[in-house]
Amino acid sequence: MTLNCPQPYSVDGITYPRHVHYCHLNKNDLWSDDIQTVIVSCDVDFKTMRKFVKDKCHLVVNVLSKESYDRCKIPGSINIPLLSFNKEDAIDTIRSSINGFDKLKKFRGKKIFETPIIVYCKNTECKASERMIELLIDVGFINLLEYSEGVIGWMRHTKSKKDCEEIIGGGEDKSTSKDFDLHEIF
């Protein structure tokens, strides 16, 4: 089953992150009254990502190490490394970064947690962006998307002269490992 990406929405001044409600069929083939909710992360395709980068309407966050970010990144992105994540530093970085984007200035102050953010890491094998989304939701950010193709997918689509696989390195490091443990960053 494929669902369209739900949008954050506000009710009585409270904005909720992307989520879906669901319930199960019980043993009598009747719908259960026990409605569950799960927060979902939506993936952005390259065409949409290119438009968002060009329009500067989303804050684009690279979650790899500073060294990897310095070597190869999506244009206009900022760096919040997963392995050194600190919630106050993340909020400060996002707060100071939105000032450089005219379309994002409206999210200053109390609306900071509604800032539209796209998170990416190395490639589709990398799970660091998914983990960063979880951490940013825990901090209070609600308008989050993922570009799962990562910096390598971006470079492949844009036919960049840089070979990010070589620049970032083909081997696994803890920030891109599939077996990454969230507890390692605390």
Protein backbone atom coordinates (compact mmCIF):
# COMPACT_ATOMS: atom_id res chain seq x y z
CA MET A 1 0.00 0.00 0.00
CA THR A 2 1.26 3.48 -0.84
CA LEU A 3 0.00 6.58 0.94
CA ASN A 4 0.46 10.20 -0.03
CA CYS A 5 2.65 12.07 2.40
CA PRO A 6 0.45 13.61 5.11
CA GLN A 7 1.02 17.27 5.91
CA PRO A 8 1.57 18.80 9.34
CA TYR A 9 -1.56 20.58 10.52
CA SER A 10 -2.66 22.85 13.35
CA VAL A 11 -5.63 22.53 15.68
CA ASP A 12 -6.26 25.07 18.45
CA GLY A 13 -2.77 26.53 18.03
CA ILE A 14 -0.99 23.16 18.28
CA THR A 15 0.81 21.94 15.17
CA TYR A 16 1.17 18.19 14.75
CA PRO A 17 3.88 16.38 12.74
CA ARG A 18 3.12 14.13 9.78
CA HIS A 19 1.28 11.09 11.05
CA VAL A 20 -1.32 8.47 10.22
CA HIS A 21 -4.10 7.05 12.35
CA TYR A 22 -5.02 3.40 12.02
CA CYS A 23 -6.96 0.62 13.68
CA HIS A 24 -7.07 -3.16 13.28
CA LEU A 25 -9.77 -5.63 12.43
CA ASN A 26 -10.58 -7.69 15.50
CA LYS A 27 -11.24 -11.41 15.52
CA ASN A 28 -14.91 -10.80 14.57
CA ASP A 29 -13.87 -8.87 11.45
CA LEU A 30 -15.02 -5.61 13.04
CA TRP A 31 -12.88 -2.50 13.25
CA SER A 32 -11.34 -2.01 16.65
CA ASP A 33 -12.21 1.16 18.59
CA ASP A 34 -8.55 1.34 19.61
CA ILE A 35 -7.21 3.95 17.17
CA GLN A 36 -3.41 4.11 16.97
CA THR A 37 -1.18 6.88 15.64
CA VAL A 38 2.24 6.62 14.09
CA ILE A 39 4.49 9.54 13.08
CA VAL A 40 5.71 9.09 9.53
CA SER A 41 8.69 10.33 7.61
CA CYS A 42 8.17 11.13 3.95
CA ASP A 43 10.78 10.82 1.23
CA VAL A 44 11.39 13.56 -1.33
CA ASP A 45 12.31 12.52 -4.89
CA PHE A 46 15.10 14.23 -6.82
CA LYS A 47 12.78 16.42 -8.93
CA THR A 48 11.09 17.82 -5.81
CA MET A 49 14.42 18.17 -3.99
CA ARG A 50 15.92 20.12 -6.90
CA LYS A 51 12.91 22.47 -6.86
CA PHE A 52 13.17 23.01 -3.07
CA VAL A 53 16.92 23.69 -3.30
CA LYS A 54 16.40 26.16 -6.16
CA ASP A 55 13.47 27.90 -4.44
CA LYS A 56 15.25 28.00 -1.04
CA CYS A 57 11.93 27.24 0.64
CA HIS A 58 13.20 24.44 2.92
CA LEU A 59 16.21 24.25 5.19
CA VAL A 60 18.35 21.39 3.85
CA VAL A 61 20.36 19.56 6.53
CA ASN A 62 23.33 17.24 5.92
CA VAL A 63 23.73 14.92 8.93
CA LEU A 64 27.15 13.47 8.04
CA SER A 65 30.39 14.42 9.78
CA LYS A 66 31.72 17.95 9.30
CA GLU A 67 34.62 16.50 7.30
CA SER A 68 32.25 14.71 4.89
CA TYR A 69 30.04 17.82 4.65
CA ASP A 70 33.05 20.03 3.86
CA ARG A 71 34.10 17.68 1.04
CA CYS A 72 30.75 17.07 -0.62
CA LYS A 73 27.27 18.53 -0.02
CA ILE A 74 24.04 19.56 -1.66
CA PRO A 75 24.23 23.31 -2.48
CA GLY A 76 22.78 25.55 0.21
CA SER A 77 22.66 22.83 2.84
CA ILE A 78 23.80 23.21 6.44
CA ASN A 79 25.51 20.63 8.62
CA ILE A 80 24.16 19.12 11.84
CA PRO A 81 26.28 15.98 12.34
CA LEU A 82 24.35 13.10 13.83
CA LEU A 83 27.25 11.73 15.88
CA SER A 84 27.73 15.01 17.73
CA PHE A 85 24.02 15.87 17.98
CA ASN A 86 23.10 18.25 20.79
CA LYS A 87 19.55 19.56 20.89
CA GLU A 88 20.45 23.13 21.92
CA ASP A 89 23.15 23.33 19.23
CA ALA A 90 20.72 21.95 16.63
CA ILE A 91 18.07 24.54 17.52
CA ASP A 92 20.68 27.35 17.44
CA THR A 93 22.04 26.17 14.07
CA ILE A 94 18.55 26.03 12.57
CA ARG A 95 17.61 29.40 14.12
CA SER A 96 20.69 31.14 12.74
CA SER A 97 20.45 29.41 9.34
CA ILE A 98 16.89 30.44 8.51
CA ASN A 99 17.94 34.09 8.58
CA GLY A 100 19.79 33.46 5.30
CA PHE A 101 16.61 32.34 3.51
CA ASP A 102 13.97 34.99 2.80
CA LYS A 103 11.21 32.38 2.46
CA LEU A 104 12.07 30.90 5.88
CA LYS A 105 12.33 34.11 7.93
CA LYS A 106 8.66 33.79 8.91
CA PHE A 107 9.67 30.78 11.05
CA ARG A 108 11.83 32.85 13.40
CA GLY A 109 10.81 33.07 17.03
CA LYS A 110 7.97 30.87 18.27
CA LYS A 111 7.45 29.25 14.83
CA ILE A 112 11.02 27.87 14.69
CA PHE A 113 9.76 24.31 15.21
CA GLU A 114 7.51 24.59 12.12
CA THR A 115 10.46 25.34 9.80
CA PRO A 116 10.29 23.09 6.71
CA ILE A 117 13.41 20.91 6.89
CA ILE A 118 14.77 18.25 4.54
CA VAL A 119 17.34 15.90 6.05
CA TYR A 120 19.85 13.85 4.03
CA CYS A 121 22.95 11.73 4.51
CA LYS A 122 25.18 9.71 2.16
CA ASN A 123 22.81 7.51 0.11
CA THR A 124 19.84 5.15 0.35
CA GLU A 125 21.91 2.70 2.42
CA CYS A 126 22.60 5.36 5.04
CA LYS A 127 20.18 5.46 7.97
CA ALA A 128 21.61 8.56 9.67
CA SER A 129 18.97 10.87 8.16
CA GLU A 130 16.14 8.70 9.51
CA ARG A 131 17.69 8.83 12.96
CA MET A 132 18.14 12.61 12.75
CA ILE A 133 14.46 12.98 11.89
CA GLU A 134 13.60 11.01 15.06
CA LEU A 135 15.86 13.27 17.14
CA LEU A 136 14.49 16.48 15.62
CA ILE A 137 10.92 15.30 16.27
CA ASP A 138 11.90 14.59 19.89
CA VAL A 139 13.27 18.16 20.11
CA GLY A 140 9.94 19.50 18.78
CA PHE A 141 10.44 20.04 15.04
CA ILE A 142 7.38 18.94 13.08
CA ASN A 143 7.84 19.76 9.39
CA LEU A 144 10.49 17.22 8.39
CA LEU A 145 11.17 15.38 5.14
CA GLU A 146 13.95 13.05 4.04
CA TYR A 147 15.95 13.00 0.81
CA SER A 148 17.00 9.36 1.04
CA GLU A 149 19.16 9.39 -2.11
CA GLY A 150 21.57 11.56 -0.14
CA VAL A 151 24.53 13.49 -1.40
CA ILE A 152 25.64 10.68 -3.71
CA GLY A 153 22.22 10.54 -5.38
CA TRP A 154 22.24 14.32 -5.74
CA MET A 155 25.66 14.27 -7.39
CA ARG A 156 24.61 11.43 -9.72
CA HIS A 157 21.42 13.24 -10.80
CA THR A 158 23.16 16.58 -11.28
CA LYS A 159 26.06 14.90 -13.08
CA SER A 160 28.48 16.66 -10.78
CA LYS A 161 32.15 16.35 -11.65
CA LYS A 162 32.81 15.34 -8.04
CA ASP A 163 32.61 11.64 -7.30
CA CYS A 164 31.17 11.76 -3.79
CA GLU A 165 31.65 8.05 -3.29
CA GLU A 166 35.39 8.69 -3.51
CA ILE A 167 35.26 12.00 -1.64
CA ILE A 168 33.16 10.77 1.27
CA GLY A 169 34.64 7.30 1.13
CA GLY A 170 33.14 4.01 0.05
CA GLY A 171 33.60 2.38 3.45
CA GLU A 172 31.17 2.51 6.30
CA ASP A 173 31.64 4.93 9.15
CA LYS A 174 29.45 5.17 12.21
CA SER A 175 27.42 8.08 10.83
CA THR A 176 26.28 6.04 7.82
CA SER A 177 26.18 2.52 9.19
CA LYS A 178 22.96 0.56 8.91
CA ASP A 179 23.66 -0.80 12.38
CA PHE A 180 24.10 2.62 13.96
CA ASP A 181 23.04 2.77 17.58
CA LEU A 182 21.29 5.96 18.72
CA HIS A 183 22.77 5.51 22.18
CA GLU A 184 26.25 6.14 20.74
CA ILE A 185 25.49 9.85 20.42
CA PHE A 186 24.44 10.48 23.99
